[in-house]
Amino acid sequence: MASCEYCGLDGYYGRELARTRHWIIYLAPSQRYLGACVVALRRKCRDLSELSGEEWADFAGVLRGLESALRELFNPDLFNWSCFKNSAFRSEDPDPEVHWHFHPRYRRSVSFAGETFIDREFGHIPLPIEVKVPGPVMDELEGIMREMIGKHLSSWID
């Protein structure tokens, strides 16, 4: 897997939350933005132009479900989606894979499980800065997000 500074080291996407027919939703290892996820295609694919109509339709369901789940959980002010592959091309032999970065963004600070999350760059392009939160907080976040994603994506989950 290619290295991606937004996902984590060496393509480590994070904790798996759900699968649809074509995509896997992971809780990102860095929670710079509370609820940040990575949505990875379940097959090897280099470019977005290679996605099938069925994969795009499935992604649209994931997008709607993930945004609805986060809106209900934490009520972000906006959602950023990005598909960066730049870091894969720093290698002599680049091998990018299609995956999306989902960044809920907050104008205000948000508290969860005793931690306070502050989006200091609200309104600006997110930078690949890793923010680790304590294991028990990640465990609680994983549980609540898995439950809420299941509720909002029940007809899409594989």
Protein backbone atom coordinates (compact mmCIF):
# COMPACT_ATOMS: atom_id res chain seq x y z
CA MET A 1 0.00 0.00 0.00
CA ALA A 2 1.19 3.50 -0.75
CA SER A 3 2.19 5.84 2.03
CA CYS A 4 -0.31 8.63 2.68
CA GLU A 5 0.29 11.37 5.19
CA TYR A 6 -3.43 11.98 5.70
CA CYS A 7 -4.24 8.32 6.45
CA GLY A 8 -1.29 7.36 8.57
CA LEU A 9 2.04 5.74 8.05
CA ASP A 10 2.48 3.38 5.10
CA GLY A 11 -1.16 3.24 4.07
CA TYR A 12 -2.52 2.29 7.49
CA TYR A 13 -6.07 3.56 7.16
CA GLY A 14 -7.23 2.99 10.74
CA ARG A 15 -9.94 1.03 12.53
CA GLU A 16 -12.53 -0.56 10.27
CA LEU A 17 -16.05 0.72 10.97
CA ALA A 18 -18.11 -0.72 8.11
CA ARG A 19 -18.02 -2.27 4.63
CA THR A 20 -20.28 -1.75 1.69
CA ARG A 21 -20.17 -3.72 -1.53
CA HIS A 22 -17.33 -1.56 -2.89
CA TRP A 23 -15.90 0.53 -0.01
CA ILE A 24 -14.47 0.15 3.49
CA ILE A 25 -14.94 2.93 6.05
CA TYR A 26 -12.15 3.36 8.59
CA LEU A 27 -11.85 5.60 11.62
CA ALA A 28 -8.68 7.53 10.79
CA PRO A 29 -5.76 7.05 13.20
CA SER A 30 -5.37 10.84 13.42
CA GLN A 31 -8.36 12.60 14.91
CA ARG A 32 -7.30 16.15 14.21
CA TYR A 33 -10.93 16.65 13.20
CA LEU A 34 -13.27 14.63 15.42
CA GLY A 35 -14.81 11.83 13.37
CA ALA A 36 -12.19 11.87 10.59
CA CYS A 37 -12.43 8.77 8.42
CA VAL A 38 -10.85 7.15 5.40
CA VAL A 39 -13.07 5.51 2.79
CA ALA A 40 -11.06 3.02 0.72
CA LEU A 41 -12.07 1.16 -2.40
CA ARG A 42 -12.12 -2.61 -1.84
CA ARG A 43 -10.27 -3.33 -5.08
CA LYS A 44 -6.96 -2.09 -6.43
CA CYS A 45 -7.58 1.06 -8.48
CA ARG A 46 -5.19 3.84 -9.42
CA ASP A 47 -7.46 6.63 -10.71
CA LEU A 48 -10.99 7.90 -10.12
CA SER A 49 -11.69 7.61 -13.84
CA GLU A 50 -11.40 3.82 -13.43
CA LEU A 51 -14.37 3.61 -11.02
CA SER A 52 -17.48 1.90 -12.33
CA GLY A 53 -20.94 3.45 -12.18
CA GLU A 54 -21.83 0.96 -9.47
CA GLU A 55 -18.80 2.00 -7.39
CA TRP A 56 -19.73 5.68 -7.75
CA ALA A 57 -23.34 4.94 -6.73
CA ASP A 58 -22.12 3.00 -3.71
CA PHE A 59 -19.79 5.86 -2.79
CA ALA A 60 -22.72 8.31 -2.97
CA GLY A 61 -24.54 6.16 -0.40
CA VAL A 62 -21.45 6.06 1.83
CA LEU A 63 -21.09 9.85 1.57
CA ARG A 64 -24.73 10.49 2.52
CA GLY A 65 -24.66 7.95 5.34
CA LEU A 66 -21.36 9.12 6.82
CA GLU A 67 -22.34 12.78 6.73
CA SER A 68 -25.75 11.98 8.30
CA ALA A 69 -24.12 9.91 11.05
CA LEU A 70 -21.61 12.64 11.94
CA ARG A 71 -24.26 15.34 11.77
CA GLU A 72 -26.30 13.41 14.33
CA LEU A 73 -23.29 12.67 16.55
CA PHE A 74 -21.32 15.93 16.60
CA ASN A 75 -23.06 18.40 14.24
CA PRO A 76 -20.00 19.59 12.27
CA ASP A 77 -20.28 22.90 10.42
CA LEU A 78 -19.06 21.38 7.15
CA PHE A 79 -17.57 18.26 5.61
CA ASN A 80 -14.41 18.12 3.50
CA TRP A 81 -13.77 15.19 1.17
CA SER A 82 -10.44 14.77 -0.57
CA CYS A 83 -8.71 12.18 -2.71
CA PHE A 84 -5.02 13.02 -2.56
CA LYS A 85 -2.45 10.71 -4.11
CA ASN A 86 0.50 13.08 -4.19
CA SER A 87 2.64 11.35 -1.59
CA ALA A 88 2.55 8.06 -3.54
CA PHE A 89 4.42 9.82 -6.34
CA ARG A 90 7.37 10.71 -4.13
CA SER A 91 8.42 7.10 -4.63
CA GLU A 92 10.54 5.94 -7.57
CA ASP A 93 7.79 3.41 -8.36
CA PRO A 94 4.48 5.06 -7.36
CA ASP A 95 1.54 2.78 -6.61
CA PRO A 96 -1.40 5.01 -5.60
CA GLU A 97 -4.72 3.57 -4.50
CA VAL A 98 -8.09 5.32 -4.61
CA HIS A 99 -9.25 6.30 -1.15
CA TRP A 100 -11.07 9.32 0.23
CA HIS A 101 -10.32 11.42 3.30
CA PHE A 102 -13.40 12.55 5.20
CA HIS A 103 -12.82 15.56 7.46
CA PRO A 104 -15.74 16.89 9.51
CA ARG A 105 -14.89 20.51 10.32
CA TYR A 106 -15.97 22.51 13.36
CA ARG A 107 -16.19 26.26 13.92
CA ARG A 108 -16.41 25.59 17.67
CA SER A 109 -14.54 23.27 20.02
CA VAL A 110 -16.15 19.87 20.52
CA SER A 111 -15.81 17.70 23.61
CA PHE A 112 -16.01 13.94 23.50
CA ALA A 113 -15.08 11.37 26.17
CA GLY A 114 -13.22 13.98 28.24
CA GLU A 115 -11.14 15.27 25.30
CA THR A 116 -11.61 18.66 23.64
CA PHE A 117 -11.11 18.88 19.88
CA ILE A 118 -10.32 22.31 18.42
CA ASP A 119 -10.25 22.94 14.66
CA ARG A 120 -7.67 25.74 14.66
CA GLU A 121 -7.66 25.99 10.85
CA PHE A 122 -11.43 26.10 10.35
CA GLY A 123 -12.16 27.52 6.92
CA HIS A 124 -8.74 26.50 5.55
CA ILE A 125 -7.40 23.44 3.73
CA PRO A 126 -6.52 20.71 6.25
CA LEU A 127 -2.84 19.99 6.74
CA PRO A 128 -1.49 16.47 7.31
CA ILE A 129 -0.79 16.92 11.00
CA GLU A 130 -1.22 13.81 13.10
CA VAL A 131 -3.24 14.12 16.29
CA LYS A 132 -3.31 11.00 18.45
CA VAL A 133 -5.97 10.65 21.11
CA PRO A 134 -5.82 8.22 24.04
CA GLY A 135 -6.74 4.61 23.29
CA PRO A 136 -9.86 4.57 25.48
CA VAL A 137 -11.19 7.67 23.67
CA MET A 138 -10.54 6.01 20.29
CA ASP A 139 -12.32 2.89 21.55
CA GLU A 140 -15.37 4.90 22.59
CA LEU A 141 -15.35 6.89 19.35
CA GLU A 142 -15.06 3.69 17.31
CA GLY A 143 -18.04 2.16 19.12
CA ILE A 144 -20.35 5.14 18.80
CA MET A 145 -19.40 5.76 15.17
CA ARG A 146 -19.83 2.09 14.22
CA GLU A 147 -23.31 2.18 15.76
CA MET A 148 -24.32 5.44 14.08
CA ILE A 149 -22.88 4.45 10.69
CA GLY A 150 -24.79 1.18 10.94
CA LYS A 151 -27.97 3.15 11.57
CA HIS A 152 -27.46 5.53 8.64
CA LEU A 153 -25.97 3.01 6.20
CA SER A 154 -27.95 -0.11 7.12
CA SER A 155 -29.15 -0.74 3.57
CA TRP A 156 -25.62 -0.26 2.15
CA ILE A 157 -23.56 -2.31 4.62
CA ASP A 158 -22.21 -5.54 3.22
